[in-house]
Structures are given as C-alpha cells and as structure tokens.
Amino acid sequence: MSGAIFEQPTLWQRWKPVLFGFDATLSVAIGLLAAFGLLTMYSAGFDHGTRFVDHGRNMLIALGLLFLVSQIPPHRLMTLAVPVYAVGVALLIATAMFGISKKGATRWLNVGMVIQPSELLKLATPLMLAWWFQKCEGRMSAAAWAVAVGLLLVPVGLVVKQPDLGTAILIFSAGVYVIFFAGLSWRLIVPVLLLAGVGITALVVSGPTICQPGIDWPLLKEYQQHRVCTLLDPGKDPLGKGFHIIQGMIAIGSGGLTGKGFMQGTQTHLEFIPERTTDFIFAAFAEEFGLAGTIGLVVAFTFLIFRGLMIAAEAPTLFSRLLAGAITLSFFTYAFVNMGMVSGILPVVGVPLPFISYGGTAMVTLGVALGMLMSIAKSRRLMQS
C-alpha cells in the first residue's frame, strides 16, 4: 500500500478563512451603520473641534478589535468569562472606594490611566451568565436561577450606586436577555410586565401631583426624579431641565419627510441641540435627513438585529446561543433607549446610539461585542463545512 501524500496548505489557503470568513450579511449591516455614523458626525461635529477625525479613528480601532476578537473561537471566549467578570467586579468595588468623582458621580478609576470599569461589565455580565447556564445545562434548579440573578444584580447594584443609570440599564438588559433565552418561564415574566405597565400608567396619571416641589421619591436621587418629571412635562422648565427634550423634538419634527439636507440643519449648527455629537446626535440626523433617513437608519439596525438573532438561533452550543442573543438585543436596547429619550418618550439617561454617537470607550465596547458575534457566526460555518 503506497503512502498517502499530503500537500501543505499554501499561505493564501491559511489566511483566506481569517480574512474572508466573516458573515456577509452582518458585515453589510455594520458597514451601513458605520457610513451613517461618519456622515452624521461630519455634519454634527463640523464646528466641534476634531470630533469627526476622532470618531473615524475610534471606528477604525473598534473594527480592528472586531477583527481580532472574531478570530477567538467561542470555546476560548467561554474560558475568559470568569476572570473577566471577576476583574470587572473588582474594578467596580475599587471605583466605589478609590474612584475619581466628577459632577457628583464616581465612575472612573486611575490605574495608570483613567478608565471607566462599568463599560467592561456590559460584556462581562452576559459572558459570565452564558458561561453559568452552559455549566448548568440540563440540571437547572431554583438555586441555579438564584445564582444567575445574583451574578446580574452585583454589577448592576455597584453601577447604580456610582450613580450611572444609563450604563446600569444596559448591563441589566444584557443580563436579562441571557436569563430569558436560557428558558425563564413566562409565568414569571408576565406578572413583572403587568406590574411595570401599571406602574408607568400610575406615574403618568399622577405626574402633576408627585412632581410638585418638596416631594421625595424612594430609591431615586433628586436628579433622576427631575428627569422623570421633565419627561412627563418638559414645558414646565423649557429653558432649564426641559431644554434638551424640547430642542430634540423640534429638530426631529423640523426635518419633515426628507430633511433639511446634509449640513443644513439649523437646530444643529446654531447649537440649539445640546450634546449634538453624543447623546442627542439622533436629533441632528433626523433634522438633516428627515423621516426617510430615519427609516433607513432604523432598517440598518433592524438588519443587524435580525441577522444577529439568526446567528444565535443557529449557534452550536448553549453558551454561543445565549451570548449571541444577548449581544444582539443589547443593540436593540441601545437604539431604542437613545431614540426614545431624544424623541421625548423615555427619560434622558445618557445611552449612546451605536456607531453614530461620539465616544471612544463605547465604540470599543461595541467593536468587541460584534467581534464575539462574528466569532459565533464563523464557528457555525466551520462546523457545517
């Protein structure tokens, strides 16, 4: 029997899966959002220093991290869950004890350079919960569910204490998505949704009464109470606390069907829109590109979310399915909360619009998250081949 001859793969054959193994549909969605982001930042940040150049640099860094993280197989990501989560929680505790305070919030920590540890928990929390449910697969008990809830509430509680309600919402929602996809019973979900609906209705009805001066709300700080009251009646203080919401709604409404045109937004360039390159950049976008542009932006986000959920559904392991589902719906949370607060249907909580808003840390976080999602998509194709 003659010996078999095996040809060594060429350098191109080795690198081809690395360079071209990305999910095409997901890549198109990311490209569309990146293009929207660069176009909007050029206009909104035109007379705002180097915001456009910095935004482009941050986007390139995020895409570079996406590429690098996408090369890490999901089973390797799983081994990182516990150490990354432990380091993240330790940094949050250190922030509470030794952190840097700005404007009444202690969110930053000096470790040779100033960092915001809560950003790490946006990824570490769903990663840790997906690892936990993978370990408990097939033998979930009440104690296992309780541990999962505890793993979620620890970082959320530490971030709320800083206080940073916007980041806490993002961490909490990412963790809840993992728990939901892990099989949380609707018998537990429906009562919570009903209670939330009753609470919101009661808040809207009783708003004029409970928003009177001198009335304190339990569990909420004064500035958080003001945000809710401003949402219920922004016209009560149009030049103060209600200014952001009112100007955002004016900009969105003035865009009309097709918008005022690129670089032609008066609310934007006359600086009526506060934080026009960060939290309120959606108002600048809607003013210049109108309803048609807004629909295009929503379609791009929907495209990404739909593809992400398909990747989650096709993922080969429970860990991959839970992580992919949580990452995907986190993008929905980002977009829904940001557009909602700018449109006046949600309180202003400081949540950026992915790829559109200026911000280096948030962009890096999004790049790593999408890299994980791309890694899961690649692992599925490799198994099929």
Protein backbone atom coordinates (compact mmCIF):
# COMPACT_ATOMS: atom_id res chain seq x y z
CA MET A 1 0.00 0.00 0.00
CA SER A 2 1.60 3.22 -1.12
CA GLY A 3 1.85 6.03 1.39
CA ALA A 4 -0.52 8.94 1.02
CA ILE A 5 0.95 12.27 0.07
CA PHE A 6 -0.45 15.30 1.87
CA GLU A 7 0.15 18.70 0.36
CA GLN A 8 0.98 21.53 2.72
CA PRO A 9 -1.61 24.33 2.52
CA THR A 10 -0.34 27.50 0.90
CA LEU A 11 -0.09 30.76 2.80
CA TRP A 12 -3.20 32.03 0.98
CA GLN A 13 -5.18 28.93 1.94
CA ARG A 14 -4.24 29.50 5.58
CA TRP A 15 -5.16 33.17 5.61
CA LYS A 16 -8.29 33.01 3.44
CA PRO A 17 -10.62 31.87 6.29
CA VAL A 18 -9.15 34.55 8.53
CA LEU A 19 -9.61 37.40 6.06
CA PHE A 20 -12.84 36.34 4.35
CA GLY A 21 -14.56 34.12 6.92
CA PHE A 22 -16.88 36.87 8.14
CA ASP A 23 -20.65 36.73 7.99
CA ALA A 24 -21.51 38.75 4.88
CA THR A 25 -24.96 39.90 6.00
CA LEU A 26 -23.73 41.07 9.38
CA SER A 27 -20.79 42.83 7.73
CA VAL A 28 -23.15 44.76 5.43
CA ALA A 29 -25.25 45.89 8.41
CA ILE A 30 -22.13 47.07 10.26
CA GLY A 31 -20.92 48.87 7.16
CA LEU A 32 -24.23 50.70 6.74
CA LEU A 33 -24.23 51.88 10.36
CA ALA A 34 -20.59 52.95 10.11
CA ALA A 35 -21.40 55.00 6.99
CA PHE A 36 -24.39 56.64 8.71
CA GLY A 37 -22.16 57.42 11.69
CA LEU A 38 -19.37 59.05 9.68
CA LEU A 39 -21.84 61.09 7.60
CA THR A 40 -23.71 62.34 10.66
CA MET A 41 -20.58 63.10 12.68
CA TYR A 42 -19.10 65.12 9.82
CA SER A 43 -22.13 67.41 9.94
CA ALA A 44 -22.85 67.46 13.67
CA GLY A 45 -19.18 67.81 14.60
CA PHE A 46 -18.20 70.14 11.76
CA ASP A 47 -17.51 73.09 14.08
CA HIS A 48 -16.81 70.94 17.12
CA GLY A 49 -13.02 70.56 17.10
CA THR A 50 -11.67 67.24 15.85
CA ARG A 51 -14.77 65.19 16.62
CA PHE A 52 -15.11 63.80 13.08
CA VAL A 53 -11.45 62.74 12.86
CA ASP A 54 -11.57 61.25 16.36
CA HIS A 55 -14.81 59.44 15.53
CA GLY A 56 -13.23 57.91 12.44
CA ARG A 57 -10.19 56.85 14.48
CA ASN A 58 -12.40 55.30 17.17
CA MET A 59 -14.34 53.46 14.50
CA LEU A 60 -11.14 52.04 12.98
CA ILE A 61 -10.00 50.88 16.43
CA ALA A 62 -13.39 49.23 17.01
CA LEU A 63 -13.26 47.49 13.63
CA GLY A 64 -9.71 46.32 14.37
CA LEU A 65 -10.86 44.84 17.68
CA LEU A 66 -13.84 43.27 15.90
CA PHE A 67 -11.40 41.54 13.54
CA LEU A 68 -9.14 40.32 16.35
CA VAL A 69 -11.94 39.09 18.63
CA SER A 70 -13.67 37.34 15.74
CA GLN A 71 -10.59 35.07 15.46
CA ILE A 72 -11.14 33.74 19.01
CA PRO A 73 -13.32 30.59 18.93
CA PRO A 74 -16.41 30.63 21.21
CA HIS A 75 -14.97 27.92 23.46
CA ARG A 76 -11.99 30.20 24.12
CA LEU A 77 -14.31 33.09 24.86
CA MET A 78 -16.04 30.85 27.38
CA THR A 79 -12.78 30.32 29.30
CA LEU A 80 -12.44 34.11 29.65
CA ALA A 81 -15.87 34.58 31.24
CA VAL A 82 -15.00 34.04 34.91
CA PRO A 83 -11.70 36.01 35.01
CA VAL A 84 -13.11 38.93 33.00
CA TYR A 85 -16.22 39.12 35.21
CA ALA A 86 -14.16 38.85 38.41
CA VAL A 87 -11.77 41.60 37.29
CA GLY A 88 -14.71 43.80 36.26
CA VAL A 89 -16.48 43.48 39.61
CA ALA A 90 -13.19 44.03 41.47
CA LEU A 91 -12.63 47.24 39.49
CA LEU A 92 -16.16 48.41 40.29
CA ILE A 93 -15.52 47.85 44.00
CA ALA A 94 -12.20 49.72 43.70
CA THR A 95 -14.02 52.55 41.93
CA ALA A 96 -16.50 52.82 44.80
CA MET A 97 -13.61 53.01 47.28
CA PHE A 98 -10.93 54.98 45.42
CA GLY A 99 -12.63 56.29 42.29
CA ILE A 100 -12.49 59.72 40.69
CA SER A 101 -15.62 61.85 41.16
CA LYS A 102 -16.91 64.27 38.54
CA LYS A 103 -20.20 66.18 38.73
CA GLY A 104 -21.37 64.12 41.71
CA ALA A 105 -20.67 60.72 40.10
CA THR A 106 -17.82 58.34 40.95
CA ARG A 107 -17.43 56.34 37.74
CA TRP A 108 -13.72 56.50 36.90
CA LEU A 109 -10.62 54.80 38.27
CA ASN A 110 -6.97 55.71 37.84
CA VAL A 111 -4.87 52.61 37.12
CA GLY A 112 -2.04 54.44 35.42
CA MET A 113 -4.65 55.79 33.06
CA VAL A 114 -8.23 56.80 33.79
CA ILE A 115 -10.75 54.07 32.91
CA GLN A 116 -14.49 53.55 33.37
CA PRO A 117 -14.81 49.96 34.67
CA SER A 118 -18.57 49.81 34.16
CA GLU A 119 -18.01 49.61 30.38
CA LEU A 120 -16.28 46.25 30.86
CA LEU A 121 -19.36 44.83 32.62
CA LYS A 122 -21.52 45.45 29.54
CA LEU A 123 -19.67 42.49 28.03
CA ALA A 124 -18.52 40.61 31.13
CA THR A 125 -22.02 40.19 32.61
CA PRO A 126 -23.68 38.41 29.63
CA LEU A 127 -20.45 36.46 29.09
CA MET A 128 -20.50 35.24 32.71
CA LEU A 129 -24.20 34.39 32.68
CA ALA A 130 -23.87 32.47 29.40
CA TRP A 131 -20.97 30.52 30.97
CA TRP A 132 -23.06 29.78 34.07
CA PHE A 133 -26.04 28.46 32.13
CA GLN A 134 -23.73 26.34 29.94
CA LYS A 135 -22.29 24.77 33.10
CA CYS A 136 -25.80 24.12 34.46
CA GLU A 137 -27.25 22.86 31.17
CA GLY A 138 -29.78 20.09 31.75
CA ARG A 139 -29.84 20.48 35.53
CA MET A 140 -31.26 23.94 36.23
CA SER A 141 -32.68 24.29 39.71
CA ALA A 142 -34.11 27.16 41.74
CA ALA A 143 -30.67 27.64 43.30
CA ALA A 144 -29.05 27.88 39.86
CA TRP A 145 -31.54 30.56 38.78
CA ALA A 146 -30.90 32.43 42.05
CA VAL A 147 -27.14 32.40 41.41
CA ALA A 148 -27.75 33.79 37.92
CA VAL A 149 -29.85 36.63 39.32
CA GLY A 150 -27.13 37.34 41.89
CA LEU A 151 -24.43 37.43 39.20
CA LEU A 152 -26.53 40.05 37.41
CA LEU A 153 -27.51 42.21 40.40
CA VAL A 154 -23.99 42.57 41.83
CA PRO A 155 -22.56 44.68 38.94
CA VAL A 156 -25.88 46.45 38.35
CA GLY A 157 -26.07 47.49 42.01
CA LEU A 158 -22.47 48.75 42.00
CA VAL A 159 -23.06 50.81 38.84
CA VAL A 160 -26.35 52.26 40.14
CA LYS A 161 -24.50 53.38 43.27
CA GLN A 162 -21.97 55.40 41.24
CA PRO A 163 -24.58 56.62 40.01
CA ASP A 164 -24.77 55.76 36.29
CA LEU A 165 -28.34 54.81 35.42
CA GLY A 166 -27.75 54.59 31.66
CA THR A 167 -24.92 52.05 31.94
CA ALA A 168 -26.81 50.15 34.65
CA ILE A 169 -29.78 49.78 32.28
CA LEU A 170 -27.52 48.41 29.54
CA ILE A 171 -25.83 45.90 31.87
CA PHE A 172 -29.15 44.84 33.37
CA SER A 173 -30.87 44.41 30.00
CA ALA A 174 -27.95 42.34 28.61
CA GLY A 175 -28.13 40.04 31.64
CA VAL A 176 -31.91 39.75 31.47
CA TYR A 177 -31.68 38.75 27.81
CA VAL A 178 -29.35 35.87 28.72
CA ILE A 179 -31.68 34.73 31.51
CA PHE A 180 -34.69 34.98 29.17
CA PHE A 181 -33.04 32.95 26.40
CA ALA A 182 -31.94 30.39 29.00
CA GLY A 183 -35.59 29.47 29.49
CA LEU A 184 -37.09 31.77 32.09
CA SER A 185 -40.77 30.88 32.47
CA TRP A 186 -43.41 33.24 31.08
CA ARG A 187 -45.26 32.73 34.36
CA LEU A 188 -42.55 34.88 35.94
CA ILE A 189 -42.17 37.33 33.07
CA VAL A 190 -45.83 38.27 32.51
CA PRO A 191 -46.55 39.43 36.12
CA VAL A 192 -43.44 41.67 36.02
CA LEU A 193 -44.56 43.19 32.71
CA LEU A 194 -48.06 43.79 34.07
CA LEU A 195 -46.69 45.44 37.20
CA ALA A 196 -44.42 47.62 35.07
CA GLY A 197 -47.38 48.65 32.91
CA VAL A 198 -49.50 49.51 35.94
CA GLY A 199 -46.60 51.46 37.46
CA ILE A 200 -45.98 53.50 34.30
CA THR A 201 -49.70 54.24 33.94
CA ALA A 202 -49.93 55.37 37.56
CA LEU A 203 -46.85 57.55 37.10
CA VAL A 204 -48.29 59.29 34.05
CA VAL A 205 -51.69 59.86 35.70
CA SER A 206 -50.26 61.13 38.97
CA GLY A 207 -47.38 63.05 37.40
CA PRO A 208 -48.66 66.59 38.16
CA THR A 209 -49.08 65.64 41.81
CA ILE A 210 -45.90 63.72 42.57
CA CYS A 211 -43.71 66.17 40.66
CA GLN A 212 -44.54 69.03 43.00
CA PRO A 213 -41.53 70.60 44.79
CA GLY A 214 -40.68 69.05 48.13
CA ILE A 215 -41.96 65.54 47.31
CA ASP A 216 -39.20 62.93 47.50
CA TRP A 217 -39.35 59.56 45.73
CA PRO A 218 -37.90 56.44 47.30
CA LEU A 219 -34.91 54.75 45.57
CA LEU A 220 -34.37 57.67 43.16
CA LYS A 221 -31.89 60.51 43.56
CA GLU A 222 -33.08 64.07 43.05
CA TYR A 223 -31.63 64.44 39.55
CA GLN A 224 -33.25 61.14 38.49
CA GLN A 225 -36.61 62.34 39.81
CA HIS A 226 -36.18 65.55 37.81
CA ARG A 227 -35.53 63.52 34.63
CA VAL A 228 -38.78 61.61 35.01
CA CYS A 229 -40.77 64.76 35.81
CA THR A 230 -39.19 66.55 32.84
CA LEU A 231 -40.25 63.68 30.59
CA LEU A 232 -43.85 63.98 31.82
CA ASP A 233 -43.92 67.76 31.33
CA PRO A 234 -40.87 69.22 29.54
CA GLY A 235 -42.65 72.53 29.07
CA LYS A 236 -42.65 73.18 32.80
CA ASP A 237 -39.00 74.31 32.62
CA PRO A 238 -38.38 74.93 28.88
CA LEU A 239 -35.10 76.83 29.36
CA GLY A 240 -33.76 74.55 32.07
CA LYS A 241 -34.33 70.85 32.64
CA GLY A 242 -36.76 70.51 29.70
CA PHE A 243 -34.47 72.23 27.18
CA HIS A 244 -32.81 69.03 25.91
CA ILE A 245 -36.06 67.19 25.18
CA ILE A 246 -37.83 70.19 23.66
CA GLN A 247 -34.97 71.04 21.29
CA GLY A 248 -34.59 67.39 20.32
CA MET A 249 -38.27 67.12 19.40
CA ILE A 250 -38.15 70.42 17.49
CA ALA A 251 -35.17 69.21 15.45
CA ILE A 252 -36.79 65.86 14.66
CA GLY A 253 -40.09 67.48 13.70
CA SER A 254 -38.49 70.18 11.56
CA GLY A 255 -36.77 67.54 9.44
CA GLY A 256 -40.08 66.65 7.82
CA LEU A 257 -40.23 63.89 5.23
CA THR A 258 -36.86 64.29 3.50
CA GLY A 259 -34.95 66.54 5.91
CA LYS A 260 -33.31 69.94 5.51
CA GLY A 261 -30.31 68.46 3.74
CA PHE A 262 -26.78 67.49 4.62
CA MET A 263 -25.04 70.26 6.64
CA GLN A 264 -28.25 72.33 6.52
CA GLY A 265 -29.69 71.60 9.96
CA THR A 266 -30.40 74.92 11.67
CA GLN A 267 -31.10 73.46 15.11
CA THR A 268 -27.84 71.56 14.84
CA HIS A 269 -25.50 74.24 13.52
CA LEU A 270 -26.98 77.09 15.54
CA GLU A 271 -26.24 74.92 18.59
CA PHE A 272 -29.80 74.61 19.88
CA ILE A 273 -29.33 70.84 20.26
CA PRO A 274 -27.32 70.11 23.41
CA GLU A 275 -24.81 67.22 23.18
CA ARG A 276 -25.40 67.09 19.44
CA THR A 277 -22.42 64.79 18.80
CA THR A 278 -23.11 62.36 21.66
CA ASP A 279 -26.43 61.54 23.32
CA PHE A 280 -28.59 63.75 21.06
CA ILE A 281 -26.96 63.06 17.71
CA PHE A 282 -30.12 61.30 16.53
CA ALA A 283 -31.91 64.67 16.60
CA ALA A 284 -29.21 66.15 14.34
CA PHE A 285 -29.52 63.17 11.99
CA ALA A 286 -33.34 63.37 11.83
CA GLU A 287 -33.27 67.11 11.18
CA GLU A 288 -30.99 66.82 8.16
CA PHE A 289 -32.26 63.54 6.68
CA GLY A 290 -35.90 63.59 7.78
CA LEU A 291 -38.29 60.68 8.06
CA ALA A 292 -36.77 58.95 5.03
CA GLY A 293 -33.30 58.96 6.56
CA THR A 294 -34.64 57.87 9.94
CA ILE A 295 -36.39 54.91 8.33
CA GLY A 296 -33.11 54.00 6.63
CA LEU A 297 -31.27 54.12 9.96
CA VAL A 298 -33.93 52.01 11.68
CA VAL A 299 -33.79 49.50 8.81
CA ALA A 300 -30.00 49.22 9.22
CA PHE A 301 -30.38 48.50 12.95
CA THR A 302 -33.21 46.03 12.21
CA PHE A 303 -31.00 44.34 9.62
CA LEU A 304 -28.22 43.89 12.20
CA ILE A 305 -30.60 42.67 14.91
CA PHE A 306 -32.39 40.21 12.62
CA ARG A 307 -29.11 38.72 11.42
CA GLY A 308 -27.76 38.54 14.97
CA LEU A 309 -30.82 36.62 16.14
CA MET A 310 -30.41 34.22 13.20
CA ILE A 311 -26.79 33.64 14.24
CA ALA A 312 -27.98 32.97 17.80
CA ALA A 313 -30.61 30.51 16.59
CA GLU A 314 -28.03 28.59 14.53
CA ALA A 315 -25.26 28.62 17.17
CA PRO A 316 -23.91 25.14 18.02
CA THR A 317 -23.78 25.43 21.84
CA LEU A 318 -25.95 26.88 24.58
CA PHE A 319 -23.18 29.31 25.55
CA SER A 320 -22.96 30.62 21.99
CA ARG A 321 -26.73 30.93 21.62
CA LEU A 322 -27.14 32.85 24.87
CA LEU A 323 -24.20 35.18 24.23
CA ALA A 324 -25.19 35.90 20.62
CA GLY A 325 -28.80 36.58 21.61
CA ALA A 326 -27.80 38.92 24.44
CA ILE A 327 -25.31 40.87 22.31
CA THR A 328 -27.85 41.27 19.51
CA LEU A 329 -30.68 42.50 21.72
CA SER A 330 -28.26 44.83 23.51
CA PHE A 331 -28.01 46.73 20.21
CA PHE A 332 -31.80 46.95 20.22
CA THR A 333 -31.65 48.41 23.75
CA TYR A 334 -29.02 50.98 22.76
CA ALA A 335 -31.01 52.13 19.73
CA PHE A 336 -34.45 52.07 21.37
CA VAL A 337 -33.40 53.92 24.52
CA ASN A 338 -31.38 56.56 22.65
CA MET A 339 -34.04 57.28 20.04
CA GLY A 340 -36.73 57.16 22.72
CA MET A 341 -35.07 59.68 25.01
CA VAL A 342 -34.29 62.08 22.14
CA SER A 343 -37.89 61.77 20.90
CA GLY A 344 -39.33 62.51 24.34
CA ILE A 345 -40.85 59.10 25.11
CA LEU A 346 -38.14 57.99 27.59
CA PRO A 347 -36.16 59.85 30.27
CA VAL A 348 -32.72 61.16 29.34
CA VAL A 349 -30.28 58.57 30.73
CA GLY A 350 -27.11 59.01 28.66
CA VAL A 351 -27.18 56.00 26.32
CA PRO A 352 -25.23 56.41 23.03
CA LEU A 353 -26.53 55.46 19.59
CA PRO A 354 -24.24 52.66 18.29
CA PHE A 355 -21.74 53.79 15.64
CA ILE A 356 -23.46 57.19 15.42
CA SER A 357 -22.69 58.85 18.77
CA TYR A 358 -19.21 60.11 19.59
CA GLY A 359 -17.35 58.17 22.28
CA GLY A 360 -14.22 56.05 22.25
CA THR A 361 -14.99 53.69 25.13
CA ALA A 362 -18.49 52.89 23.91
CA MET A 363 -17.21 52.34 20.37
CA VAL A 364 -14.54 49.91 21.60
CA THR A 365 -17.17 48.01 23.62
CA LEU A 366 -19.39 47.71 20.56
CA GLY A 367 -16.50 46.52 18.42
CA VAL A 368 -15.59 43.75 20.88
CA ALA A 369 -19.27 42.72 21.18
CA LEU A 370 -19.64 42.45 17.41
CA GLY A 371 -16.37 40.53 17.26
CA MET A 372 -17.86 37.94 19.63
CA LEU A 373 -20.98 37.74 17.47
CA MET A 374 -18.86 37.31 14.33
CA SER A 375 -16.82 34.59 16.07
CA ILE A 376 -20.01 32.65 16.81
CA ALA A 377 -21.15 33.02 13.20
CA LYS A 378 -17.76 31.77 11.92
CA SER A 379 -17.78 28.77 14.26
CA ARG A 380 -21.16 27.67 12.88
CA ARG A 381 -19.90 27.77 9.28
CA LEU A 382 -16.73 25.86 10.17
CA MET A 383 -18.82 23.09 11.76
CA GLN A 384 -21.04 22.91 8.70
CA SER A 385 -18.03 22.60 6.40
